[in-house]
Amino acid sequence: MPNFEQLNAHDFHHVLEEQRGVSLVFFTHALCASCRAWKKLLQTYIQERPDIRVFEVNAETEMALTNEFEVFHLPSLFVYSDGSYHAPLQCQASIEALDNAIASLLHNPATDMP
């Protein structure tokens, strides 16, 4: 299974601004059981959707980003497209639900980050 590129406060904005296509930012924590389940799903998802990239942020060690994105529950996912922030991603943990939620969010224009 592929691993996700780790982002920290120093490279977060720069790396995401340079991305083309759809990127998901996945705030997680090693002790979070739901995070582990979502991580497995996302690993499968990007194998089936190689045009989508997933970046991981450790919510415990990257408190500045966790606070900036107002992350109160883990896991938390956010959608970027062509380097621009779109919205938080909330859906059931399934590939079909991910596809539908991402398509719905990308139907709207990019917005300001939280």
Foldseek 3Di string as FASTA:
>chain_A
DDDAAEDAPVCVLVVLLQDAAKEKEKEAAPVDPVSVVLRVLVVVLCVVVVRYHYYYYDCVVRVVVCVQQVPDDPTWMWMDHNSAGFGTFDFDSHNVGVVVRNVVSVVDDGDDHD
